[in-house]
Amino acid sequence: MNYQFRLNCGLLRLFDAFDSFPDELAPGFQYEFSHPELERLREAYRLDQVAGGGDDWSKILNLMHQKTI
């Protein structure tokens, strides 16, 4: 795990309800990359350009810190 991920998890641990362990009762999750609505949003908001390169966590942080015009 990288530093930024550990830092954010550390911040979440300040909240009593946060639990970083897997939840066996939670439903499975899988990305659906080929959904037409996702493609529309990617183009409309230039998500690929804004997210930039790097690993998924870096892309998420880039999207979170993007300033809106």
Protein backbone atom coordinates (compact mmCIF):
# COMPACT_ATOMS: atom_id res chain seq x y z
CA MET A 1 0.00 0.00 0.00
CA ASN A 2 1.24 3.46 -0.72
CA TYR A 3 1.63 6.32 1.72
CA GLN A 4 -1.42 8.32 0.60
CA PHE A 5 -3.73 5.32 0.99
CA ARG A 6 -2.41 4.61 4.49
CA LEU A 7 -2.79 8.27 5.41
CA ASN A 8 -6.41 8.41 4.29
CA CYS A 9 -7.25 5.16 6.08
CA GLY A 10 -5.61 6.59 9.18
CA LEU A 11 -7.84 9.64 8.97
CA LEU A 12 -10.93 7.47 8.53
CA ARG A 13 -10.02 5.54 11.67
CA LEU A 14 -10.79 8.69 13.64
CA PHE A 15 -14.45 7.86 13.08
CA ASP A 16 -15.91 5.14 15.30
CA ALA A 17 -17.92 3.54 12.48
CA PHE A 18 -14.89 3.00 10.19
CA ASP A 19 -13.64 -0.57 9.86
CA SER A 20 -10.83 -1.35 7.41
CA PHE A 21 -11.40 -5.12 7.52
CA PRO A 22 -13.37 -6.85 4.74
CA ASP A 23 -17.07 -7.26 5.40
CA GLU A 24 -18.25 -10.78 4.57
CA LEU A 25 -21.85 -9.56 4.41
CA ALA A 26 -21.12 -6.90 1.80
CA PRO A 27 -22.15 -7.80 -1.75
CA GLY A 28 -19.46 -8.44 -4.33
CA PHE A 29 -18.42 -5.47 -6.42
CA GLN A 30 -17.15 -5.35 -9.97
CA TYR A 31 -16.50 -2.41 -12.26
CA GLU A 32 -18.44 -2.30 -15.52
CA PHE A 33 -16.09 -0.44 -17.83
CA SER A 34 -18.19 -0.84 -20.98
CA HIS A 35 -21.40 0.83 -19.75
CA PRO A 36 -22.59 3.52 -22.23
CA GLU A 37 -23.29 6.04 -19.46
CA LEU A 38 -19.71 5.75 -18.18
CA GLU A 39 -18.42 6.46 -21.67
CA ARG A 40 -20.64 9.54 -21.91
CA LEU A 41 -19.42 10.83 -18.52
CA ARG A 42 -15.79 10.14 -19.44
CA GLU A 43 -16.11 12.28 -22.53
CA ALA A 44 -18.27 15.03 -21.01
CA TYR A 45 -15.97 15.58 -18.03
CA ARG A 46 -12.65 14.56 -19.66
CA LEU A 47 -12.15 12.05 -16.85
CA ASP A 48 -9.25 10.24 -18.48
CA GLN A 49 -7.30 13.48 -18.94
CA VAL A 50 -8.11 14.77 -15.44
CA ALA A 51 -7.27 11.45 -13.76
CA GLY A 52 -3.88 11.38 -15.44
CA GLY A 53 -1.49 8.45 -15.20
CA GLY A 54 -0.28 6.29 -12.38
CA ASP A 55 -2.04 3.70 -10.28
CA ASP A 56 -5.77 3.73 -9.50
CA TRP A 57 -5.26 5.46 -6.16
CA SER A 58 -3.33 8.32 -7.81
CA LYS A 59 -6.08 8.71 -10.39
CA ILE A 60 -8.75 8.87 -7.67
CA LEU A 61 -6.80 11.55 -5.83
CA ASN A 62 -6.36 13.54 -9.05
CA LEU A 63 -10.13 13.41 -9.64
CA MET A 64 -10.86 14.42 -6.04
CA HIS A 65 -8.54 17.42 -6.19
CA GLN A 66 -9.67 18.67 -9.60
CA LYS A 67 -11.01 22.21 -9.36
CA THR A 68 -14.29 22.88 -11.09
CA ILE A 69 -14.67 25.88 -13.35
